[in-house]
Amino acid sequence: MPSIYYTWLPYIYLYGVGGLFFLSGLIIVKKAGGYNPLNKRHRYWWKVTIFGFFYFMVLHALIILAALYL
């Protein structure tokens, strides 16, 4: 079985550092006034964006698990 340095460390780096950039991008959009929580379409796309990040994070983890154990 491959060590954690070849399997999970890149995953943690990708979604840890990438998550910081993602979060900072969301904060910048919110502070710049690009997101209005009163607008229904803005709320929808805000949720889609956050869901998409976690969706791909979970999907990537499942693919890593499948590669390791199947």
C-alpha atoms as a PDB file:
ATOM      1  CA  MET A   1       0.000   0.000   0.000  1.00  0.00           C
ATOM      2  CA  PRO A   2       1.384   3.459  -0.871  1.00  0.00           C
ATOM      3  CA  SER A   3       2.356   5.713   2.001  1.00  0.00           C
ATOM      4  CA  ILE A   4       0.356   8.714   3.124  1.00  0.00           C
ATOM      5  CA  TYR A   5       2.889  10.982   1.406  1.00  0.00           C
ATOM      6  CA  TYR A   6       1.781   9.731  -2.013  1.00  0.00           C
ATOM      7  CA  THR A   7      -1.945   9.420  -1.387  1.00  0.00           C
ATOM      8  CA  TRP A   8      -3.454  11.690   1.237  1.00  0.00           C
ATOM      9  CA  LEU A   9      -0.855  14.432   1.623  1.00  0.00           C
ATOM     10  CA  PRO A  10      -1.463  15.790  -1.915  1.00  0.00           C
ATOM     11  CA  TYR A  11      -5.209  15.607  -1.268  1.00  0.00           C
ATOM     12  CA  ILE A  12      -4.870  17.550   1.993  1.00  0.00           C
ATOM     13  CA  TYR A  13      -2.639  20.110   0.288  1.00  0.00           C
ATOM     14  CA  LEU A  14      -4.966  20.472  -2.705  1.00  0.00           C
ATOM     15  CA  TYR A  15      -8.112  21.060  -0.683  1.00  0.00           C
ATOM     16  CA  GLY A  16      -6.397  22.805   2.220  1.00  0.00           C
ATOM     17  CA  VAL A  17      -4.495  25.431   0.248  1.00  0.00           C
ATOM     18  CA  GLY A  18      -7.100  25.460  -2.509  1.00  0.00           C
ATOM     19  CA  GLY A  19      -9.799  25.841   0.123  1.00  0.00           C
ATOM     20  CA  LEU A  20      -8.034  28.901   1.519  1.00  0.00           C
ATOM     21  CA  PHE A  21      -7.978  30.472  -1.948  1.00  0.00           C
ATOM     22  CA  PHE A  22     -11.612  29.481  -2.455  1.00  0.00           C
ATOM     23  CA  LEU A  23     -12.620  30.987   0.888  1.00  0.00           C
ATOM     24  CA  SER A  24     -10.664  34.176   0.241  1.00  0.00           C
ATOM     25  CA  GLY A  25     -12.371  34.463  -3.148  1.00  0.00           C
ATOM     26  CA  LEU A  26     -15.777  34.142  -1.516  1.00  0.00           C
ATOM     27  CA  ILE A  27     -14.844  36.800   1.037  1.00  0.00           C
ATOM     28  CA  ILE A  28     -13.645  39.156  -1.711  1.00  0.00           C
ATOM     29  CA  VAL A  29     -16.855  38.673  -3.681  1.00  0.00           C
ATOM     30  CA  LYS A  30     -18.942  39.331  -0.584  1.00  0.00           C
ATOM     31  CA  LYS A  31     -16.980  42.451   0.428  1.00  0.00           C
ATOM     32  CA  ALA A  32     -17.040  43.831  -3.134  1.00  0.00           C
ATOM     33  CA  GLY A  33     -20.819  43.640  -3.148  1.00  0.00           C
ATOM     34  CA  GLY A  34     -21.056  40.886  -5.738  1.00  0.00           C
ATOM     35  CA  TYR A  35     -23.241  38.798  -3.467  1.00  0.00           C
ATOM     36  CA  ASN A  36     -26.587  40.087  -2.296  1.00  0.00           C
ATOM     37  CA  PRO A  37     -28.272  37.621   0.105  1.00  0.00           C
ATOM     38  CA  LEU A  38     -31.651  39.224  -0.610  1.00  0.00           C
ATOM     39  CA  ASN A  39     -31.426  38.206  -4.266  1.00  0.00           C
ATOM     40  CA  LYS A  40     -32.758  34.679  -4.783  1.00  0.00           C
ATOM     41  CA  ARG A  41     -30.448  33.946  -7.739  1.00  0.00           C
ATOM     42  CA  HIS A  42     -27.399  35.058  -5.774  1.00  0.00           C
ATOM     43  CA  ARG A  43     -28.303  32.763  -2.887  1.00  0.00           C
ATOM     44  CA  TYR A  44     -28.798  29.861  -5.305  1.00  0.00           C
ATOM     45  CA  TRP A  45     -25.425  30.293  -7.015  1.00  0.00           C
ATOM     46  CA  TRP A  46     -23.672  30.896  -3.695  1.00  0.00           C
ATOM     47  CA  LYS A  47     -24.962  27.528  -2.453  1.00  0.00           C
ATOM     48  CA  VAL A  48     -24.102  25.823  -5.756  1.00  0.00           C
ATOM     49  CA  THR A  49     -20.542  27.133  -5.544  1.00  0.00           C
ATOM     50  CA  ILE A  50     -20.018  25.938  -1.971  1.00  0.00           C
ATOM     51  CA  PHE A  51     -21.718  22.602  -2.664  1.00  0.00           C
ATOM     52  CA  GLY A  52     -19.540  22.140  -5.756  1.00  0.00           C
ATOM     53  CA  PHE A  53     -16.344  22.537  -3.761  1.00  0.00           C
ATOM     54  CA  PHE A  54     -17.386  19.943  -1.196  1.00  0.00           C
ATOM     55  CA  TYR A  55     -18.848  17.658  -3.873  1.00  0.00           C
ATOM     56  CA  PHE A  56     -15.540  17.459  -5.722  1.00  0.00           C
ATOM     57  CA  MET A  57     -13.657  17.113  -2.459  1.00  0.00           C
ATOM     58  CA  VAL A  58     -15.737  14.075  -1.455  1.00  0.00           C
ATOM     59  CA  LEU A  59     -15.663  12.630  -4.976  1.00  0.00           C
ATOM     60  CA  HIS A  60     -11.876  12.914  -5.068  1.00  0.00           C
ATOM     61  CA  ALA A  61     -11.588  11.208  -1.667  1.00  0.00           C
ATOM     62  CA  LEU A  62     -13.826   8.354  -2.819  1.00  0.00           C
ATOM     63  CA  ILE A  63     -11.742   7.869  -5.954  1.00  0.00           C
ATOM     64  CA  ILE A  64      -8.554   7.760  -3.864  1.00  0.00           C
ATOM     65  CA  LEU A  65     -10.147   5.191  -1.538  1.00  0.00           C
ATOM     66  CA  ALA A  66     -11.277   3.117  -4.504  1.00  0.00           C
ATOM     67  CA  ALA A  67      -7.776   3.185  -5.985  1.00  0.00           C
ATOM     68  CA  LEU A  68      -6.256   2.100  -2.673  1.00  0.00           C
ATOM     69  CA  TYR A  69      -8.654  -0.654  -1.678  1.00  0.00           C
ATOM     70  CA  LEU A  70     -10.196  -2.034  -4.874  1.00  0.00           C
END
